[in-house]
Amino acid sequence: MAALWIAHVTVSDAEAYGKYAELAGPAIAQHGGTFIARGGRYVQLEGTDRPRNVVARFPSVEAAVECYNSPEYQAALDHARGASERDLLVVEITE
């Protein structure tokens, strides 16, 4: 079953985070991920507000986790560490 990769992010270093985004996009695509939402308008109804929200669709939970653990994504993530606070989860779509 397909899955959603959902990230809620507060960026503290835009330059470093920009490098993360530049590298993460191709890594996500390489694992079958497609972006549904990236930094668009949102309304925070509950919980911790993070001004950048990203949703990508993957073929499966396993594909999303494989992407996260891939050398390509981990290289991208090196630029996000210290440049952002992030919450990231993968959830299976029940259609």
PDB file of N, CA and C in Angstrom:
ATOM      1  N   MET A   1       0.837  -1.190   0.000  1.00  0.00           N
ATOM      2  CA  MET A   1       0.000   0.000   0.000  1.00  0.00           C
ATOM      3  C   MET A   1       0.878   1.249   0.000  1.00  0.00           C
ATOM      4  N   ALA A   2       0.398   2.285  -0.640  1.00  0.00           N
ATOM      5  CA  ALA A   2       1.135   3.546  -0.704  1.00  0.00           C
ATOM      6  C   ALA A   2       1.257   4.158   0.689  1.00  0.00           C
ATOM      7  N   ALA A   3       2.206   5.072   0.818  1.00  0.00           N
ATOM      8  CA  ALA A   3       2.468   5.710   2.107  1.00  0.00           C
ATOM      9  C   ALA A   3       2.786   7.186   1.904  1.00  0.00           C
ATOM     10  N   LEU A   4       2.561   7.957   2.952  1.00  0.00           N
ATOM     11  CA  LEU A   4       2.910   9.376   2.957  1.00  0.00           C
ATOM     12  C   LEU A   4       4.078   9.616   3.901  1.00  0.00           C
ATOM     13  N   TRP A   5       5.014  10.390   3.440  1.00  0.00           N
ATOM     14  CA  TRP A   5       6.166  10.870   4.217  1.00  0.00           C
ATOM     15  C   TRP A   5       5.780  12.286   4.602  1.00  0.00           C
ATOM     16  N   ILE A   6       5.651  12.564   5.885  1.00  0.00           N
ATOM     17  CA  ILE A   6       5.167  13.856   6.347  1.00  0.00           C
ATOM     18  C   ILE A   6       6.232  14.486   7.241  1.00  0.00           C
ATOM     19  N   ALA A   7       6.686  15.658   6.852  1.00  0.00           N
ATOM     20  CA  ALA A   7       7.714  16.368   7.619  1.00  0.00           C
ATOM     21  C   ALA A   7       7.185  17.731   8.034  1.00  0.00           C
ATOM     22  N   HIS A   8       7.445  18.076   9.276  1.00  0.00           N
ATOM     23  CA  HIS A   8       7.129  19.400   9.819  1.00  0.00           C
ATOM     24  C   HIS A   8       8.467  19.997  10.244  1.00  0.00           C
ATOM     25  N   VAL A   9       8.804  21.173   9.706  1.00  0.00           N
ATOM     26  CA  VAL A   9      10.159  21.690   9.834  1.00  0.00           C
ATOM     27  C   VAL A   9      10.168  23.165  10.235  1.00  0.00           C
ATOM     28  N   THR A  10      11.104  23.504  11.121  1.00  0.00           N
ATOM     29  CA  THR A  10      11.448  24.891  11.396  1.00  0.00           C
ATOM     30  C   THR A  10      12.891  25.069  10.948  1.00  0.00           C
ATOM     31  N   VAL A  11      13.120  25.942   9.991  1.00  0.00           N
ATOM     32  CA  VAL A  11      14.453  26.163   9.424  1.00  0.00           C
ATOM     33  C   VAL A  11      15.146  27.286  10.193  1.00  0.00           C
ATOM     34  N   SER A  12      16.381  27.025  10.625  1.00  0.00           N
ATOM     35  CA  SER A  12      17.164  28.058  11.325  1.00  0.00           C
ATOM     36  C   SER A  12      18.340  28.554  10.481  1.00  0.00           C
ATOM     37  N   ASP A  13      18.735  27.807   9.452  1.00  0.00           N
ATOM     38  CA  ASP A  13      19.822  28.202   8.551  1.00  0.00           C
ATOM     39  C   ASP A  13      19.350  27.919   7.122  1.00  0.00           C
ATOM     40  N   ALA A  14      18.825  28.956   6.482  1.00  0.00           N
ATOM     41  CA  ALA A  14      18.211  28.792   5.160  1.00  0.00           C
ATOM     42  C   ALA A  14      19.211  28.312   4.111  1.00  0.00           C
ATOM     43  N   GLU A  15      20.439  28.765   4.177  1.00  0.00           N
ATOM     44  CA  GLU A  15      21.444  28.363   3.185  1.00  0.00           C
ATOM     45  C   GLU A  15      21.745  26.863   3.279  1.00  0.00           C
ATOM     46  N   ALA A  16      22.016  26.384   4.479  1.00  0.00           N
ATOM     47  CA  ALA A  16      22.302  24.959   4.660  1.00  0.00           C
ATOM     48  C   ALA A  16      21.074  24.123   4.341  1.00  0.00           C
ATOM     49  N   TYR A  17      19.901  24.593   4.735  1.00  0.00           N
ATOM     50  CA  TYR A  17      18.686  23.828   4.470  1.00  0.00           C
ATOM     51  C   TYR A  17      18.385  23.804   2.969  1.00  0.00           C
ATOM     52  N   GLY A  18      18.741  24.853   2.276  1.00  0.00           N
ATOM     53  CA  GLY A  18      18.582  24.878   0.827  1.00  0.00           C
ATOM     54  C   GLY A  18      19.415  23.790   0.164  1.00  0.00           C
ATOM     55  N   LYS A  19      20.615  23.558   0.672  1.00  0.00           N
ATOM     56  CA  LYS A  19      21.463  22.482   0.142  1.00  0.00           C
ATOM     57  C   LYS A  19      20.825  21.129   0.428  1.00  0.00           C
ATOM     58  N   TYR A  20      20.237  20.969   1.623  1.00  0.00           N
ATOM     59  CA  TYR A  20      19.513  19.740   1.933  1.00  0.00           C
ATOM     60  C   TYR A  20      18.408  19.505   0.904  1.00  0.00           C
ATOM     61  N   ALA A  21      17.589  20.528   0.667  1.00  0.00           N
ATOM     62  CA  ALA A  21      16.456  20.393  -0.250  1.00  0.00           C
ATOM     63  C   ALA A  21      16.922  20.061  -1.661  1.00  0.00           C
ATOM     64  N   GLU A  22      18.017  20.660  -2.079  1.00  0.00           N
ATOM     65  CA  GLU A  22      18.580  20.407  -3.407  1.00  0.00           C
ATOM     66  C   GLU A  22      18.971  18.933  -3.578  1.00  0.00           C
ATOM     67  N   LEU A  23      19.513  18.331  -2.540  1.00  0.00           N
ATOM     68  CA  LEU A  23      19.955  16.934  -2.599  1.00  0.00           C
ATOM     69  C   LEU A  23      18.833  15.953  -2.261  1.00  0.00           C
ATOM     70  N   ALA A  24      17.921  16.354  -1.382  1.00  0.00           N
ATOM     71  CA  ALA A  24      16.863  15.441  -0.929  1.00  0.00           C
ATOM     72  C   ALA A  24      15.857  15.143  -2.030  1.00  0.00           C
ATOM     73  N   GLY A  25      15.516  16.130  -2.840  1.00  0.00           N
ATOM     74  CA  GLY A  25      14.530  15.933  -3.895  1.00  0.00           C
ATOM     75  C   GLY A  25      14.876  14.777  -4.817  1.00  0.00           C
ATOM     76  N   PRO A  26      16.083  14.750  -5.384  1.00  0.00           N
ATOM     77  CA  PRO A  26      16.454  13.626  -6.240  1.00  0.00           C
ATOM     78  C   PRO A  26      16.492  12.287  -5.505  1.00  0.00           C
ATOM     79  N   ALA A  27      16.922  12.276  -4.249  1.00  0.00           N
ATOM     80  CA  ALA A  27      16.945  11.027  -3.475  1.00  0.00           C
ATOM     81  C   ALA A  27      15.530  10.507  -3.271  1.00  0.00           C
ATOM     82  N   ILE A  28      14.611  11.396  -2.990  1.00  0.00           N
ATOM     83  CA  ILE A  28      13.211  11.005  -2.795  1.00  0.00           C
ATOM     84  C   ILE A  28      12.634  10.470  -4.104  1.00  0.00           C
ATOM     85  N   ALA A  29      12.890  11.156  -5.207  1.00  0.00           N
ATOM     86  CA  ALA A  29      12.401  10.709  -6.511  1.00  0.00           C
ATOM     87  C   ALA A  29      12.989   9.351  -6.891  1.00  0.00           C
ATOM     88  N   GLN A  30      14.253   9.142  -6.567  1.00  0.00           N
ATOM     89  CA  GLN A  30      14.933   7.886  -6.881  1.00  0.00           C
ATOM     90  C   GLN A  30      14.247   6.682  -6.215  1.00  0.00           C
ATOM     91  N   HIS A  31      13.573   6.928  -5.105  1.00  0.00           N
ATOM     92  CA  HIS A  31      12.892   5.859  -4.375  1.00  0.00           C
ATOM     93  C   HIS A  31      11.385   5.849  -4.629  1.00  0.00           C
ATOM     94  N   GLY A  32      10.961   6.519  -5.683  1.00  0.00           N
ATOM     95  CA  GLY A  32       9.551   6.498  -6.065  1.00  0.00           C
ATOM     96  C   GLY A  32       8.702   7.533  -5.372  1.00  0.00           C
ATOM     97  N   GLY A  33       9.315   8.470  -4.661  1.00  0.00           N
ATOM     98  CA  GLY A  33       8.564   9.508  -3.956  1.00  0.00           C
ATOM     99  C   GLY A  33       8.195  10.658  -4.874  1.00  0.00           C
ATOM    100  N   THR A  34       6.997  11.178  -4.699  1.00  0.00           N
ATOM    101  CA  THR A  34       6.541  12.366  -5.420  1.00  0.00           C
ATOM    102  C   THR A  34       5.966  13.348  -4.404  1.00  0.00           C
ATOM    103  N   PHE A  35       6.299  14.615  -4.571  1.00  0.00           N
ATOM    104  CA  PHE A  35       5.823  15.621  -3.631  1.00  0.00           C
ATOM    105  C   PHE A  35       4.363  15.953  -3.874  1.00  0.00           C
ATOM    106  N   ILE A  36       3.614  16.016  -2.785  1.00  0.00           N
ATOM    107  CA  ILE A  36       2.211  16.425  -2.816  1.00  0.00           C
ATOM    108  C   ILE A  36       2.093  17.864  -2.307  1.00  0.00           C
ATOM    109  N   ALA A  37       2.876  18.174  -1.272  1.00  0.00           N
ATOM    110  CA  ALA A  37       2.880  19.528  -0.690  1.00  0.00           C
ATOM    111  C   ALA A  37       4.298  19.836  -0.236  1.00  0.00           C
ATOM    112  N   ARG A  38       4.705  21.080  -0.475  1.00  0.00           N
ATOM    113  CA  ARG A  38       6.046  21.506  -0.066  1.00  0.00           C
ATOM    114  C   ARG A  38       6.013  22.968   0.319  1.00  0.00           C
ATOM    115  N   GLY A  39       5.921  23.227   1.614  1.00  0.00           N
ATOM    116  CA  GLY A  39       6.015  24.600   2.088  1.00  0.00           C
ATOM    117  C   GLY A  39       4.840  25.495   1.737  1.00  0.00           C
ATOM    118  N   GLY A  40       3.710  24.943   1.405  1.00  0.00           N
ATOM    119  CA  GLY A  40       2.553  25.748   1.031  1.00  0.00           C
ATOM    120  C   GLY A  40       1.787  26.297   2.229  1.00  0.00           C
ATOM    121  N   ARG A  41       0.719  26.949   1.934  1.00  0.00           N
ATOM    122  CA  ARG A  41      -0.169  27.530   2.947  1.00  0.00           C
ATOM    123  C   ARG A  41      -0.710  26.423   3.849  1.00  0.00           C
ATOM    124  N   TYR A  42      -0.811  26.704   5.141  1.00  0.00           N
ATOM    125  CA  TYR A  42      -1.320  25.726   6.095  1.00  0.00           C
ATOM    126  C   TYR A  42      -2.015  26.446   7.239  1.00  0.00           C
ATOM    127  N   VAL A  43      -2.783  25.696   8.007  1.00  0.00           N
ATOM    128  CA  VAL A  43      -3.431  26.202   9.213  1.00  0.00           C
ATOM    129  C   VAL A  43      -3.075  25.238  10.340  1.00  0.00           C
ATOM    130  N   GLN A  44      -2.432  25.729  11.371  1.00  0.00           N
ATOM    131  CA  GLN A  44      -2.054  24.911  12.521  1.00  0.00           C
ATOM    132  C   GLN A  44      -3.242  24.846  13.478  1.00  0.00           C
ATOM    133  N   LEU A  45      -3.804  23.665  13.650  1.00  0.00           N
ATOM    134  CA  LEU A  45      -4.968  23.514  14.522  1.00  0.00           C
ATOM    135  C   LEU A  45      -4.600  22.964  15.890  1.00  0.00           C
ATOM    136  N   GLU A  46      -3.593  22.120  15.964  1.00  0.00           N
ATOM    137  CA  GLU A  46      -3.141  21.553  17.238  1.00  0.00           C
ATOM    138  C   GLU A  46      -1.649  21.283  17.157  1.00  0.00           C
ATOM    139  N   GLY A  47      -1.030  21.124  18.313  1.00  0.00           N
ATOM    140  CA  GLY A  47       0.362  20.702  18.368  1.00  0.00           C
ATOM    141  C   GLY A  47       1.341  21.825  18.104  1.00  0.00           C
ATOM    142  N   THR A  48       2.591  21.422  17.882  1.00  0.00           N
ATOM    143  CA  THR A  48       3.691  22.350  17.678  1.00  0.00           C
ATOM    144  C   THR A  48       3.673  22.909  16.261  1.00  0.00           C
ATOM    145  N   ASP A  49       3.690  24.215  16.157  1.00  0.00           N
ATOM    146  CA  ASP A  49       3.703  24.874  14.859  1.00  0.00           C
ATOM    147  C   ASP A  49       5.107  24.807  14.268  1.00  0.00           C
ATOM    148  N   ARG A  50       5.209  24.315  13.062  1.00  0.00           N
ATOM    149  CA  ARG A  50       6.453  24.333  12.295  1.00  0.00           C
ATOM    150  C   ARG A  50       6.085  24.927  10.936  1.00  0.00           C
ATOM    151  N   PRO A  51       6.726  26.021  10.548  1.00  0.00           N
ATOM    152  CA  PRO A  51       6.277  26.765   9.371  1.00  0.00           C
ATOM    153  C   PRO A  51       6.519  26.109   8.016  1.00  0.00           C
ATOM    154  N   ARG A  52       7.298  25.046   7.966  1.00  0.00           N
ATOM    155  CA  ARG A  52       7.498  24.351   6.680  1.00  0.00           C
ATOM    156  C   ARG A  52       6.951  22.937   6.815  1.00  0.00           C
ATOM    157  N   ASN A  53       6.041  22.586   5.948  1.00  0.00           N
ATOM    158  CA  ASN A  53       5.401  21.275   5.985  1.00  0.00           C
ATOM    159  C   ASN A  53       5.531  20.643   4.611  1.00  0.00           C
ATOM    160  N   VAL A  54       5.963  19.381   4.595  1.00  0.00           N
ATOM    161  CA  VAL A  54       6.225  18.677   3.340  1.00  0.00           C
ATOM    162  C   VAL A  54       5.536  17.317   3.393  1.00  0.00           C
ATOM    163  N   VAL A  55       4.854  16.975   2.306  1.00  0.00           N
ATOM    164  CA  VAL A  55       4.218  15.665   2.177  1.00  0.00           C
ATOM    165  C   VAL A  55       4.659  15.074   0.842  1.00  0.00           C
ATOM    166  N   ALA A  56       5.180  13.852   0.901  1.00  0.00           N
ATOM    167  CA  ALA A  56       5.541  13.117  -0.316  1.00  0.00           C
ATOM    168  C   ALA A  56       4.849  11.764  -0.281  1.00  0.00           C
ATOM    169  N   ARG A  57       4.453  11.300  -1.444  1.00  0.00           N
ATOM    170  CA  ARG A  57       3.804   9.992  -1.555  1.00  0.00           C
ATOM    171  C   ARG A  57       4.834   8.990  -2.072  1.00  0.00           C
ATOM    172  N   PHE A  58       4.873   7.825  -1.439  1.00  0.00           N
ATOM    173  CA  PHE A  58       5.767   6.733  -1.830  1.00  0.00           C
ATOM    174  C   PHE A  58       4.932   5.504  -2.155  1.00  0.00           C
ATOM    175  N   PRO A  59       5.499   4.572  -2.913  1.00  0.00           N
ATOM    176  CA  PRO A  59       4.773   3.350  -3.242  1.00  0.00           C
ATOM    177  C   PRO A  59       4.419   2.504  -2.018  1.00  0.00           C
ATOM    178  N   SER A  60       5.220   2.608  -0.946  1.00  0.00           N
ATOM    179  CA  SER A  60       4.990   1.809   0.259  1.00  0.00           C
ATOM    180  C   SER A  60       5.742   2.420   1.427  1.00  0.00           C
ATOM    181  N   VAL A  61       5.394   1.982   2.628  1.00  0.00           N
ATOM    182  CA  VAL A  61       6.138   2.391   3.825  1.00  0.00           C
ATOM    183  C   VAL A  61       7.599   1.977   3.666  1.00  0.00           C
ATOM    184  N   GLU A  62       7.797   0.767   3.163  1.00  0.00           N
ATOM    185  CA  GLU A  62       9.162   0.251   3.014  1.00  0.00           C
ATOM    186  C   GLU A  62       9.998   1.113   2.068  1.00  0.00           C
ATOM    187  N   ALA A  63       9.393   1.570   0.973  1.00  0.00           N
ATOM    188  CA  ALA A  63      10.112   2.428   0.028  1.00  0.00           C
ATOM    189  C   ALA A  63      10.499   3.752   0.679  1.00  0.00           C
ATOM    190  N   ALA A  64       9.616   4.307   1.490  1.00  0.00           N
ATOM    191  CA  ALA A  64       9.908   5.574   2.179  1.00  0.00           C
ATOM    192  C   ALA A  64      11.034   5.389   3.191  1.00  0.00           C
ATOM    193  N   VAL A  65      10.993   4.309   3.947  1.00  0.00           N
ATOM    194  CA  VAL A  65      12.036   4.048   4.943  1.00  0.00           C
ATOM    195  C   VAL A  65      13.363   3.747   4.244  1.00  0.00           C
ATOM    196  N   GLU A  66      13.299   3.009   3.136  1.00  0.00           N
ATOM    197  CA  GLU A  66      14.511   2.739   2.352  1.00  0.00           C
ATOM    198  C   GLU A  66      15.122   4.046   1.856  1.00  0.00           C
ATOM    199  N   CYS A  67      14.280   4.965   1.417  1.00  0.00           N
ATOM    200  CA  CYS A  67      14.756   6.279   0.988  1.00  0.00           C
ATOM    201  C   CYS A  67      15.461   6.989   2.135  1.00  0.00           C
ATOM    202  N   TYR A  68      14.810   7.037   3.283  1.00  0.00           N
ATOM    203  CA  TYR A  68      15.386   7.727   4.439  1.00  0.00           C
ATOM    204  C   TYR A  68      16.761   7.167   4.788  1.00  0.00           C
ATOM    205  N   ASN A  69      16.897   5.857   4.731  1.00  0.00           N
ATOM    206  CA  ASN A  69      18.152   5.205   5.118  1.00  0.00           C
ATOM    207  C   ASN A  69      19.185   5.156   3.999  1.00  0.00           C
ATOM    208  N   SER A  70      18.828   5.611   2.804  1.00  0.00           N
ATOM    209  CA  SER A  70      19.751   5.538   1.672  1.00  0.00           C
ATOM    210  C   SER A  70      20.932   6.490   1.856  1.00  0.00           C
ATOM    211  N   PRO A  71      22.080   6.136   1.286  1.00  0.00           N
ATOM    212  CA  PRO A  71      23.245   7.029   1.364  1.00  0.00           C
ATOM    213  C   PRO A  71      22.961   8.408   0.774  1.00  0.00           C
ATOM    214  N   GLU A  72      22.159   8.460  -0.296  1.00  0.00           N
ATOM    215  CA  GLU A  72      21.859   9.742  -0.942  1.00  0.00           C
ATOM    216  C   GLU A  72      21.050  10.656  -0.018  1.00  0.00           C
ATOM    217  N   TYR A  73      20.038  10.084   0.631  1.00  0.00           N
ATOM    218  CA  TYR A  73      19.223  10.922   1.516  1.00  0.00           C
ATOM    219  C   TYR A  73      20.007  11.290   2.772  1.00  0.00           C
ATOM    220  N   GLN A  74      20.781  10.372   3.297  1.00  0.00           N
ATOM    221  CA  GLN A  74      21.576  10.668   4.485  1.00  0.00           C
ATOM    222  C   GLN A  74      22.594  11.773   4.207  1.00  0.00           C
ATOM    223  N   ALA A  75      23.159  11.796   2.995  1.00  0.00           N
ATOM    224  CA  ALA A  75      24.069  12.880   2.617  1.00  0.00           C
ATOM    225  C   ALA A  75      23.329  14.215   2.596  1.00  0.00           C
ATOM    226  N   ALA A  76      22.096  14.207   2.103  1.00  0.00           N
ATOM    227  CA  ALA A  76      21.279  15.423   2.119  1.00  0.00           C
ATOM    228  C   ALA A  76      20.977  15.834   3.547  1.00  0.00           C
ATOM    229  N   LEU A  77      20.615  14.860   4.362  1.00  0.00           N
ATOM    230  CA  LEU A  77      20.226  15.124   5.747  1.00  0.00           C
ATOM    231  C   LEU A  77      21.357  15.745   6.554  1.00  0.00           C
ATOM    232  N   ASP A  78      22.593  15.470   6.185  1.00  0.00           N
ATOM    233  CA  ASP A  78      23.731  16.099   6.871  1.00  0.00           C
ATOM    234  C   ASP A  78      23.620  17.618   6.844  1.00  0.00           C
ATOM    235  N   HIS A  79      23.019  18.174   5.783  1.00  0.00           N
ATOM    236  CA  HIS A  79      22.869  19.632   5.672  1.00  0.00           C
ATOM    237  C   HIS A  79      21.699  20.152   6.502  1.00  0.00           C
ATOM    238  N   ALA A  80      20.713  19.313   6.779  1.00  0.00           N
ATOM    239  CA  ALA A  80      19.552  19.733   7.569  1.00  0.00           C
ATOM    240  C   ALA A  80      19.854  19.708   9.063  1.00  0.00           C
ATOM    241  N   ARG A  81      20.729  18.788   9.467  1.00  0.00           N
ATOM    242  CA  ARG A  81      21.083  18.696  10.892  1.00  0.00           C
ATOM    243  C   ARG A  81      21.786  19.984  11.302  1.00  0.00           C
ATOM    244  N   GLY A  82      21.325  20.587  12.364  1.00  0.00           N
ATOM    245  CA  GLY A  82      21.893  21.849  12.811  1.00  0.00           C
ATOM    246  C   GLY A  82      21.321  23.051  12.077  1.00  0.00           C
ATOM    247  N   ALA A  83      20.587  22.821  11.000  1.00  0.00           N
ATOM    248  CA  ALA A  83      19.994  23.918  10.234  1.00  0.00           C
ATOM    249  C   ALA A  83      18.478  23.930  10.371  1.00  0.00           C
ATOM    250  N   SER A  84      17.945  22.953  11.138  1.00  0.00           N
ATOM    251  CA  SER A  84      16.497  22.863  11.262  1.00  0.00           C
ATOM    252  C   SER A  84      16.114  21.983  12.447  1.00  0.00           C
ATOM    253  N   GLU A  85      14.879  22.160  12.879  1.00  0.00           N
ATOM    254  CA  GLU A  85      14.236  21.231  13.808  1.00  0.00           C
ATOM    255  C   GLU A  85      13.162  20.552  12.991  1.00  0.00           C
ATOM    256  N   ARG A  86      13.117  19.210  13.062  1.00  0.00           N
ATOM    257  CA  ARG A  86      12.232  18.467  12.167  1.00  0.00           C
ATOM    258  C   ARG A  86      11.503  17.369  12.916  1.00  0.00           C
ATOM    259  N   ASP A  87      10.278  17.152  12.501  1.00  0.00           N
ATOM    260  CA  ASP A  87       9.514  15.967  12.878  1.00  0.00           C
ATOM    261  C   ASP A  87       9.200  15.278  11.559  1.00  0.00           C
ATOM    262  N   LEU A  88       9.456  13.982  11.482  1.00  0.00           N
ATOM    263  CA  LEU A  88       9.243  13.248  10.243  1.00  0.00           C
ATOM    264  C   LEU A  88       8.598  11.914  10.560  1.00  0.00           C
ATOM    265  N   LEU A  89       7.570  11.570   9.801  1.00  0.00           N
ATOM    266  CA  LEU A  89       6.936  10.270   9.969  1.00  0.00           C
ATOM    267  C   LEU A  89       6.493   9.754   8.620  1.00  0.00           C
ATOM    268  N   VAL A  90       6.302   8.449   8.569  1.00  0.00           N
ATOM    269  CA  VAL A  90       5.769   7.785   7.384  1.00  0.00           C
ATOM    270  C   VAL A  90       4.512   7.055   7.829  1.00  0.00           C
ATOM    271  N   VAL A  91       3.433   7.245   7.087  1.00  0.00           N
ATOM    272  CA  VAL A  91       2.165   6.593   7.430  1.00  0.00           C
ATOM    273  C   VAL A  91       1.575   5.939   6.185  1.00  0.00           C
ATOM    274  N   GLU A  92       1.110   4.720   6.360  1.00  0.00           N
ATOM    275  CA  GLU A  92       0.494   3.995   5.262  1.00  0.00           C
ATOM    276  C   GLU A  92      -0.859   4.604   4.929  1.00  0.00           C
ATOM    277  N   ILE A  93      -1.157   4.701   3.651  1.00  0.00           N
ATOM    278  CA  ILE A  93      -2.452   5.204   3.206  1.00  0.00           C
ATOM    279  C   ILE A  93      -3.453   4.057   3.213  1.00  0.00           C
ATOM    280  N   THR A  94      -4.559   4.256   3.877  1.00  0.00           N
ATOM    281  CA  THR A  94      -5.622   3.249   3.878  1.00  0.00           C
ATOM    282  C   THR A  94      -6.741   3.767   2.994  1.00  0.00           C
ATOM    283  N   GLU A  95      -6.743   3.324   1.770  1.00  0.00           N
ATOM    284  CA  GLU A  95      -7.708   3.838   0.788  1.00  0.00           C
ATOM    285  C   GLU A  95      -8.917   2.952   0.701  1.00  0.00           C
TER     286      GLU A  95
END
